[in-house]
Amino acid sequence: MAVTAQHVQVLRLAGVWKSFDGVDALKGVTFEARAGEIHALLGENGAGKSTLMAIAAGSLEPDRGTIELNGEPVSGASPLAVRQRGLSIAYQHPALIPDLTVAENIAMWLPAQLRAAAQAGQAGQAGQGAEAWARSQLPRVGCTAALGQRVGSLSVVQRQLLEVAKSLAADPSVLILDEPTASLGAEETEVLFAELQAPVRQMFRRCGLLDRVGENRVFPTVDDGVQDYLDRHRRPVMPASPSG
């Protein structure tokens, strides 16, 4: 993933409304994310999480509201145009073409400038060929598929991992994952989370923060992270129910 300067607001959705057949899926939703942050949207089925992310990715047009990507307004943009501007999404139901190979699916997802660099062997490390570069994207998330393998022959788990791998290969400044671990086991999930934390660690190392606060402070436990978020937004934290 692209490493953007800390505190830069990379994604903002403000006052977003969306309805389907008269039923409101989203009602005035506002969401903001800065570079280096990892957010989790929580809600029951039908709460509108996937709808909001589809709007951010350009797959759906909101009825009302505004969207900004890397500080610039986005209006009526297609999914391709949004990808060109630095947002990549891995869908809960992989957006893959079964009759194409793993390599072809990765290439189709890349923004034009990155696809051209990959085909010219200029992406990734200097002198790395297009095939070697594409192959290097798969183990980042634990995908073991071969580049020439047809996607239709892959298992459910490998398809999901490929969906995430191709989204990361686009080198986005904003990465959206729609329930990426739903079909993954504990081992695959651990590999994926480690990859997602890597660019954040890189950014903190550049700022010298890891040396000062330590990695455990930068990447707290889930409970501590939720507590910190709620404290910063001045919302009360409900005490845990007593066991028994």
C-alpha atoms as a PDB file:
ATOM      1  CA  MET A   1       0.000   0.000   0.000  1.00  0.00           C
ATOM      2  CA  ALA A   2       1.074   3.555  -0.656  1.00  0.00           C
ATOM      3  CA  VAL A   3       2.469   5.302   2.419  1.00  0.00           C
ATOM      4  CA  THR A   4       0.883   8.751   2.766  1.00  0.00           C
ATOM      5  CA  ALA A   5       1.938  11.503   5.157  1.00  0.00           C
ATOM      6  CA  GLN A   6       0.498  11.012   8.628  1.00  0.00           C
ATOM      7  CA  HIS A   7      -2.668  12.956   9.540  1.00  0.00           C
ATOM      8  CA  VAL A   8      -3.594  13.507   5.864  1.00  0.00           C
ATOM      9  CA  GLN A   9      -7.329  12.901   5.422  1.00  0.00           C
ATOM     10  CA  VAL A  10      -7.478  10.300   2.664  1.00  0.00           C
ATOM     11  CA  LEU A  11     -11.211   9.555   2.685  1.00  0.00           C
ATOM     12  CA  ARG A  12     -14.255  11.548   3.761  1.00  0.00           C
ATOM     13  CA  LEU A  13     -17.926  10.775   3.267  1.00  0.00           C
ATOM     14  CA  ALA A  14     -20.290  13.446   4.619  1.00  0.00           C
ATOM     15  CA  GLY A  15     -24.063  13.308   5.034  1.00  0.00           C
ATOM     16  CA  VAL A  16     -24.478  10.287   2.775  1.00  0.00           C
ATOM     17  CA  TRP A  17     -28.024   9.040   2.103  1.00  0.00           C
ATOM     18  CA  LYS A  18     -29.012   6.015   0.032  1.00  0.00           C
ATOM     19  CA  SER A  19     -32.372   4.281  -0.327  1.00  0.00           C
ATOM     20  CA  PHE A  20     -33.582   1.260  -2.260  1.00  0.00           C
ATOM     21  CA  ASP A  21     -37.251   1.083  -3.268  1.00  0.00           C
ATOM     22  CA  GLY A  22     -38.139   3.702  -0.674  1.00  0.00           C
ATOM     23  CA  VAL A  23     -36.259   1.972   2.154  1.00  0.00           C
ATOM     24  CA  ASP A  24     -33.367   3.968   3.627  1.00  0.00           C
ATOM     25  CA  ALA A  25     -30.125   1.985   3.740  1.00  0.00           C
ATOM     26  CA  LEU A  26     -28.040   4.994   4.798  1.00  0.00           C
ATOM     27  CA  LYS A  27     -29.295   8.090   6.574  1.00  0.00           C
ATOM     28  CA  GLY A  28     -26.899  11.015   6.772  1.00  0.00           C
ATOM     29  CA  VAL A  29     -23.771   8.924   7.380  1.00  0.00           C
ATOM     30  CA  THR A  30     -20.432  10.693   7.857  1.00  0.00           C
ATOM     31  CA  PHE A  31     -17.131   8.822   7.918  1.00  0.00           C
ATOM     32  CA  GLU A  32     -13.547  10.088   7.877  1.00  0.00           C
ATOM     33  CA  ALA A  33     -10.197   8.297   7.691  1.00  0.00           C
ATOM     34  CA  ARG A  34      -6.663   9.653   7.880  1.00  0.00           C
ATOM     35  CA  ALA A  35      -3.485   8.109   6.543  1.00  0.00           C
ATOM     36  CA  GLY A  36      -2.119   5.386   8.804  1.00  0.00           C
ATOM     37  CA  GLU A  37      -5.478   4.557  10.391  1.00  0.00           C
ATOM     38  CA  ILE A  38      -7.173   1.167  10.317  1.00  0.00           C
ATOM     39  CA  HIS A  39     -10.926   1.355  10.909  1.00  0.00           C
ATOM     40  CA  ALA A  40     -13.566  -1.324  11.424  1.00  0.00           C
ATOM     41  CA  LEU A  41     -17.212  -0.626  10.588  1.00  0.00           C
ATOM     42  CA  LEU A  42     -19.425  -2.698  12.860  1.00  0.00           C
ATOM     43  CA  GLY A  43     -23.126  -3.396  12.433  1.00  0.00           C
ATOM     44  CA  GLU A  44     -25.657  -6.142  12.022  1.00  0.00           C
ATOM     45  CA  ASN A  45     -26.734  -7.502   8.645  1.00  0.00           C
ATOM     46  CA  GLY A  46     -28.538  -4.822   6.675  1.00  0.00           C
ATOM     47  CA  ALA A  47     -26.974  -1.932   8.597  1.00  0.00           C
ATOM     48  CA  GLY A  48     -25.568  -0.454   5.376  1.00  0.00           C
ATOM     49  CA  LYS A  49     -21.851  -1.204   5.763  1.00  0.00           C
ATOM     50  CA  SER A  50     -21.384  -2.664   2.282  1.00  0.00           C
ATOM     51  CA  THR A  51     -23.592   0.040   0.762  1.00  0.00           C
ATOM     52  CA  LEU A  52     -21.418   2.785   2.250  1.00  0.00           C
ATOM     53  CA  MET A  53     -18.216   1.154   1.034  1.00  0.00           C
ATOM     54  CA  ALA A  54     -19.686   0.611  -2.453  1.00  0.00           C
ATOM     55  CA  ILE A  55     -20.471   4.336  -2.590  1.00  0.00           C
ATOM     56  CA  ALA A  56     -16.907   5.175  -1.553  1.00  0.00           C
ATOM     57  CA  ALA A  57     -15.596   2.862  -4.291  1.00  0.00           C
ATOM     58  CA  GLY A  58     -17.787   4.401  -7.006  1.00  0.00           C
ATOM     59  CA  SER A  59     -19.934   1.292  -7.475  1.00  0.00           C
ATOM     60  CA  LEU A  60     -23.054   3.099  -6.182  1.00  0.00           C
ATOM     61  CA  GLU A  61     -24.147   6.711  -6.481  1.00  0.00           C
ATOM     62  CA  PRO A  62     -25.460   8.286  -3.254  1.00  0.00           C
ATOM     63  CA  ASP A  63     -28.847   9.988  -3.235  1.00  0.00           C
ATOM     64  CA  ARG A  64     -27.323  12.815  -1.205  1.00  0.00           C
ATOM     65  CA  GLY A  65     -23.988  13.625   0.391  1.00  0.00           C
ATOM     66  CA  THR A  66     -20.406  14.321  -0.606  1.00  0.00           C
ATOM     67  CA  ILE A  67     -17.300  12.175  -1.039  1.00  0.00           C
ATOM     68  CA  GLU A  68     -13.686  13.314  -0.907  1.00  0.00           C
ATOM     69  CA  LEU A  69     -10.672  11.202  -1.768  1.00  0.00           C
ATOM     70  CA  ASN A  70      -7.226  12.502  -0.841  1.00  0.00           C
ATOM     71  CA  GLY A  71      -8.745  15.925  -0.261  1.00  0.00           C
ATOM     72  CA  GLU A  72     -10.471  16.205  -3.645  1.00  0.00           C
ATOM     73  CA  PRO A  73     -14.235  15.916  -4.250  1.00  0.00           C
ATOM     74  CA  VAL A  74     -15.506  12.821  -6.035  1.00  0.00           C
ATOM     75  CA  SER A  75     -18.782  13.110  -7.907  1.00  0.00           C
ATOM     76  CA  GLY A  76     -20.193  10.642 -10.400  1.00  0.00           C
ATOM     77  CA  ALA A  77     -16.878   8.818 -10.684  1.00  0.00           C
ATOM     78  CA  SER A  78     -16.778   5.253 -11.990  1.00  0.00           C
ATOM     79  CA  PRO A  79     -15.069   2.450 -10.030  1.00  0.00           C
ATOM     80  CA  LEU A  80     -12.185   2.654 -12.518  1.00  0.00           C
ATOM     81  CA  ALA A  81     -11.796   6.403 -11.998  1.00  0.00           C
ATOM     82  CA  VAL A  82     -11.839   5.926  -8.219  1.00  0.00           C
ATOM     83  CA  ARG A  83      -9.100   3.282  -8.484  1.00  0.00           C
ATOM     84  CA  GLN A  84      -7.038   5.654 -10.612  1.00  0.00           C
ATOM     85  CA  ARG A  85      -7.307   8.167  -7.752  1.00  0.00           C
ATOM     86  CA  GLY A  86      -5.965   5.755  -5.149  1.00  0.00           C
ATOM     87  CA  LEU A  87      -8.849   3.785  -3.630  1.00  0.00           C
ATOM     88  CA  SER A  88      -8.972   0.011  -3.954  1.00  0.00           C
ATOM     89  CA  ILE A  89     -11.622  -2.341  -2.589  1.00  0.00           C
ATOM     90  CA  ALA A  90     -11.750  -6.097  -1.972  1.00  0.00           C
ATOM     91  CA  TYR A  91     -15.354  -7.213  -2.079  1.00  0.00           C
ATOM     92  CA  GLN A  92     -16.996  -9.764   0.191  1.00  0.00           C
ATOM     93  CA  HIS A  93     -17.995 -11.651  -2.970  1.00  0.00           C
ATOM     94  CA  PRO A  94     -14.791 -11.531  -5.057  1.00  0.00           C
ATOM     95  CA  ALA A  95     -14.997  -9.436  -8.224  1.00  0.00           C
ATOM     96  CA  LEU A  96     -13.001 -11.939 -10.265  1.00  0.00           C
ATOM     97  CA  ILE A  97     -13.495 -13.331 -13.783  1.00  0.00           C
ATOM     98  CA  PRO A  98     -13.503 -17.153 -13.509  1.00  0.00           C
ATOM     99  CA  ASP A  99     -12.455 -17.809 -17.118  1.00  0.00           C
ATOM    100  CA  LEU A 100      -9.332 -15.647 -16.838  1.00  0.00           C
ATOM    101  CA  THR A 101      -6.080 -16.568 -15.140  1.00  0.00           C
ATOM    102  CA  VAL A 102      -4.820 -15.275 -11.807  1.00  0.00           C
ATOM    103  CA  ALA A 103      -2.321 -13.001 -13.598  1.00  0.00           C
ATOM    104  CA  GLU A 104      -4.980 -11.608 -15.932  1.00  0.00           C
ATOM    105  CA  ASN A 105      -7.300 -10.792 -13.036  1.00  0.00           C
ATOM    106  CA  ILE A 106      -4.518  -8.920 -11.230  1.00  0.00           C
ATOM    107  CA  ALA A 107      -3.609  -6.980 -14.397  1.00  0.00           C
ATOM    108  CA  MET A 108      -7.223  -5.977 -15.086  1.00  0.00           C
ATOM    109  CA  TRP A 109      -7.578  -4.432 -11.618  1.00  0.00           C
ATOM    110  CA  LEU A 110      -4.465  -2.252 -11.749  1.00  0.00           C
ATOM    111  CA  PRO A 111      -4.710   1.478 -12.478  1.00  0.00           C
ATOM    112  CA  ALA A 112      -3.472   2.251 -16.001  1.00  0.00           C
ATOM    113  CA  GLN A 113      -0.180   3.785 -14.924  1.00  0.00           C
ATOM    114  CA  LEU A 114       0.686   0.861 -12.655  1.00  0.00           C
ATOM    115  CA  ARG A 115      -0.386  -1.695 -15.251  1.00  0.00           C
ATOM    116  CA  ALA A 116       1.919  -0.089 -17.798  1.00  0.00           C
ATOM    117  CA  ALA A 117       4.795  -0.112 -15.302  1.00  0.00           C
ATOM    118  CA  ALA A 118       4.157  -3.762 -14.444  1.00  0.00           C
ATOM    119  CA  GLN A 119       4.048  -4.776 -18.117  1.00  0.00           C
ATOM    120  CA  ALA A 120       7.290  -2.902 -18.713  1.00  0.00           C
ATOM    121  CA  GLY A 121       8.887  -4.626 -15.749  1.00  0.00           C
ATOM    122  CA  GLN A 122       9.266  -1.329 -13.894  1.00  0.00           C
ATOM    123  CA  ALA A 123       6.921  -2.012 -10.964  1.00  0.00           C
ATOM    124  CA  GLY A 124       8.311  -3.164  -7.657  1.00  0.00           C
ATOM    125  CA  GLN A 125      12.045  -3.671  -7.325  1.00  0.00           C
ATOM    126  CA  ALA A 126      14.306  -2.341 -10.053  1.00  0.00           C
ATOM    127  CA  GLY A 127      14.738  -4.830 -12.856  1.00  0.00           C
ATOM    128  CA  GLN A 128      11.893  -7.050 -11.677  1.00  0.00           C
ATOM    129  CA  GLY A 129       9.996  -8.513 -14.626  1.00  0.00           C
ATOM    130  CA  ALA A 130       6.224  -8.292 -15.004  1.00  0.00           C
ATOM    131  CA  GLU A 131       5.674 -11.977 -14.203  1.00  0.00           C
ATOM    132  CA  ALA A 132       7.956 -11.897 -11.157  1.00  0.00           C
ATOM    133  CA  TRP A 133       6.223  -8.756  -9.897  1.00  0.00           C
ATOM    134  CA  ALA A 134       2.749 -10.261 -10.278  1.00  0.00           C
ATOM    135  CA  ARG A 135       3.874 -13.476  -8.574  1.00  0.00           C
ATOM    136  CA  SER A 136       5.291 -11.497  -5.642  1.00  0.00           C
ATOM    137  CA  GLN A 137       1.864 -10.029  -4.857  1.00  0.00           C
ATOM    138  CA  LEU A 138       0.303 -13.381  -3.940  1.00  0.00           C
ATOM    139  CA  PRO A 139       2.336 -14.501  -0.882  1.00  0.00           C
ATOM    140  CA  ARG A 140       1.779 -11.094   0.734  1.00  0.00           C
ATOM    141  CA  VAL A 141      -1.639 -12.383   1.818  1.00  0.00           C
ATOM    142  CA  GLY A 142      -0.899 -16.113   1.772  1.00  0.00           C
ATOM    143  CA  CYS A 143      -2.376 -16.852  -1.656  1.00  0.00           C
ATOM    144  CA  THR A 144      -0.801 -19.994  -3.114  1.00  0.00           C
ATOM    145  CA  ALA A 145      -2.444 -19.908  -6.555  1.00  0.00           C
ATOM    146  CA  ALA A 146      -0.283 -20.091  -9.677  1.00  0.00           C
ATOM    147  CA  LEU A 147      -0.306 -17.120 -12.061  1.00  0.00           C
ATOM    148  CA  GLY A 148      -1.475 -19.249 -14.985  1.00  0.00           C
ATOM    149  CA  GLN A 149      -4.243 -20.965 -13.045  1.00  0.00           C
ATOM    150  CA  ARG A 150      -7.845 -20.259 -14.047  1.00  0.00           C
ATOM    151  CA  VAL A 151      -9.687 -18.465 -11.258  1.00  0.00           C
ATOM    152  CA  GLY A 152     -12.660 -20.786 -11.715  1.00  0.00           C
ATOM    153  CA  SER A 153     -10.531 -23.690 -10.485  1.00  0.00           C
ATOM    154  CA  LEU A 154      -9.527 -21.992  -7.217  1.00  0.00           C
ATOM    155  CA  SER A 155     -10.992 -22.839  -3.829  1.00  0.00           C
ATOM    156  CA  VAL A 156     -13.226 -20.316  -2.033  1.00  0.00           C
ATOM    157  CA  VAL A 157     -10.376 -19.372   0.312  1.00  0.00           C
ATOM    158  CA  GLN A 158      -7.872 -18.850  -2.520  1.00  0.00           C
ATOM    159  CA  ARG A 159     -10.349 -16.706  -4.451  1.00  0.00           C
ATOM    160  CA  GLN A 160     -10.842 -14.481  -1.417  1.00  0.00           C
ATOM    161  CA  LEU A 161      -7.090 -14.167  -0.905  1.00  0.00           C
ATOM    162  CA  LEU A 162      -6.637 -13.330  -4.593  1.00  0.00           C
ATOM    163  CA  GLU A 163      -9.321 -10.647  -4.272  1.00  0.00           C
ATOM    164  CA  VAL A 164      -7.321  -9.019  -1.476  1.00  0.00           C
ATOM    165  CA  ALA A 165      -3.982  -9.532  -3.261  1.00  0.00           C
ATOM    166  CA  LYS A 166      -5.130  -7.761  -6.430  1.00  0.00           C
ATOM    167  CA  SER A 167      -6.519  -4.877  -4.372  1.00  0.00           C
ATOM    168  CA  LEU A 168      -3.190  -4.479  -2.567  1.00  0.00           C
ATOM    169  CA  ALA A 169      -1.296  -4.787  -5.856  1.00  0.00           C
ATOM    170  CA  ALA A 170      -2.917  -1.509  -6.964  1.00  0.00           C
ATOM    171  CA  ASP A 171      -0.787   0.225  -4.297  1.00  0.00           C
ATOM    172  CA  PRO A 172      -3.729   2.265  -2.959  1.00  0.00           C
ATOM    173  CA  SER A 173      -3.682   5.145  -0.517  1.00  0.00           C
ATOM    174  CA  VAL A 174      -7.082   3.870   0.697  1.00  0.00           C
ATOM    175  CA  LEU A 175      -7.848   0.158   0.969  1.00  0.00           C
ATOM    176  CA  ILE A 176     -11.368  -1.067   1.736  1.00  0.00           C
ATOM    177  CA  LEU A 177     -11.956  -4.676   2.752  1.00  0.00           C
ATOM    178  CA  ASP A 178     -15.589  -5.841   2.833  1.00  0.00           C
ATOM    179  CA  GLU A 179     -15.674  -8.759   5.300  1.00  0.00           C
ATOM    180  CA  PRO A 180     -12.379 -10.164   3.980  1.00  0.00           C
ATOM    181  CA  THR A 181     -12.024 -12.876   6.626  1.00  0.00           C
ATOM    182  CA  ALA A 182     -15.519 -14.373   6.288  1.00  0.00           C
ATOM    183  CA  SER A 183     -14.194 -17.398   4.376  1.00  0.00           C
ATOM    184  CA  LEU A 184     -10.702 -17.490   5.913  1.00  0.00           C
ATOM    185  CA  GLY A 185      -9.302 -19.611   8.720  1.00  0.00           C
ATOM    186  CA  ALA A 186      -7.266 -18.327  11.659  1.00  0.00           C
ATOM    187  CA  GLU A 187      -3.908 -18.790   9.915  1.00  0.00           C
ATOM    188  CA  GLU A 188      -4.937 -16.947   6.736  1.00  0.00           C
ATOM    189  CA  THR A 189      -6.482 -14.165   8.813  1.00  0.00           C
ATOM    190  CA  GLU A 190      -3.266 -13.686  10.795  1.00  0.00           C
ATOM    191  CA  VAL A 191      -1.209 -13.369   7.598  1.00  0.00           C
ATOM    192  CA  LEU A 192      -3.675 -10.842   6.181  1.00  0.00           C
ATOM    193  CA  PHE A 193      -3.703  -8.670   9.306  1.00  0.00           C
ATOM    194  CA  ALA A 194       0.095  -8.654   9.430  1.00  0.00           C
ATOM    195  CA  GLU A 195       0.200  -7.384   5.840  1.00  0.00           C
ATOM    196  CA  LEU A 196      -2.316  -4.633   6.599  1.00  0.00           C
ATOM    197  CA  GLN A 197      -0.265  -3.429   9.556  1.00  0.00           C
ATOM    198  CA  ALA A 198       2.985  -3.336   7.554  1.00  0.00           C
ATOM    199  CA  PRO A 199       2.509   0.097   5.887  1.00  0.00           C
ATOM    200  CA  VAL A 200       1.383   1.610   9.194  1.00  0.00           C
ATOM    201  CA  ARG A 201       4.530   0.300  10.885  1.00  0.00           C
ATOM    202  CA  GLN A 202       6.586   1.718   8.017  1.00  0.00           C
ATOM    203  CA  MET A 203       5.016   5.145   8.443  1.00  0.00           C
ATOM    204  CA  PHE A 204       5.630   5.174  12.200  1.00  0.00           C
ATOM    205  CA  ARG A 205       9.231   4.040  11.701  1.00  0.00           C
ATOM    206  CA  ARG A 206       9.800   6.933   9.294  1.00  0.00           C
ATOM    207  CA  CYS A 207       8.537   9.295  12.004  1.00  0.00           C
ATOM    208  CA  GLY A 208      10.661   7.581  14.662  1.00  0.00           C
ATOM    209  CA  LEU A 209       7.564   6.813  16.723  1.00  0.00           C
ATOM    210  CA  LEU A 210       8.143   3.081  17.104  1.00  0.00           C
ATOM    211  CA  ASP A 211      11.409   3.755  18.902  1.00  0.00           C
ATOM    212  CA  ARG A 212       9.699   6.160  21.294  1.00  0.00           C
ATOM    213  CA  VAL A 213       6.449   4.394  22.122  1.00  0.00           C
ATOM    214  CA  GLY A 214       7.056   0.775  21.110  1.00  0.00           C
ATOM    215  CA  GLU A 215       5.020  -1.392  18.783  1.00  0.00           C
ATOM    216  CA  ASN A 216       2.598  -2.533  21.484  1.00  0.00           C
ATOM    217  CA  ARG A 217       1.497   1.074  21.947  1.00  0.00           C
ATOM    218  CA  VAL A 218       1.156   1.670  18.222  1.00  0.00           C
ATOM    219  CA  PHE A 219      -0.842  -1.509  17.707  1.00  0.00           C
ATOM    220  CA  PRO A 220      -2.878  -1.948  20.889  1.00  0.00           C
ATOM    221  CA  THR A 221      -5.265  -4.768  21.660  1.00  0.00           C
ATOM    222  CA  VAL A 222      -8.748  -4.509  20.190  1.00  0.00           C
ATOM    223  CA  ASP A 223     -10.238  -3.466  23.531  1.00  0.00           C
ATOM    224  CA  ASP A 224      -7.628  -0.754  24.062  1.00  0.00           C
ATOM    225  CA  GLY A 225      -8.088   0.463  20.508  1.00  0.00           C
ATOM    226  CA  VAL A 226     -11.846   0.759  20.915  1.00  0.00           C
ATOM    227  CA  GLN A 227     -11.383   2.497  24.272  1.00  0.00           C
ATOM    228  CA  ASP A 228      -8.945   4.998  22.740  1.00  0.00           C
ATOM    229  CA  TYR A 229     -11.258   5.725  19.818  1.00  0.00           C
ATOM    230  CA  LEU A 230     -14.233   6.301  22.085  1.00  0.00           C
ATOM    231  CA  ASP A 231     -12.203   8.499  24.419  1.00  0.00           C
ATOM    232  CA  ARG A 232     -11.049  10.661  21.530  1.00  0.00           C
ATOM    233  CA  HIS A 233     -14.628  11.092  20.345  1.00  0.00           C
ATOM    234  CA  ARG A 234     -15.935  11.711  23.878  1.00  0.00           C
ATOM    235  CA  ARG A 235     -18.479   8.946  23.857  1.00  0.00           C
ATOM    236  CA  PRO A 236     -19.269   6.962  27.013  1.00  0.00           C
ATOM    237  CA  VAL A 237     -17.935   3.423  27.252  1.00  0.00           C
ATOM    238  CA  MET A 238     -20.484   0.912  28.488  1.00  0.00           C
ATOM    239  CA  PRO A 239     -19.087  -1.366  31.212  1.00  0.00           C
ATOM    240  CA  ALA A 240     -18.902  -5.058  30.456  1.00  0.00           C
ATOM    241  CA  SER A 241     -21.733  -7.172  31.799  1.00  0.00           C
ATOM    242  CA  PRO A 242     -20.756  -9.262  34.847  1.00  0.00           C
ATOM    243  CA  SER A 243     -20.218 -12.911  34.037  1.00  0.00           C
ATOM    244  CA  GLY A 244     -22.462 -15.553  35.411  1.00  0.00           C
END
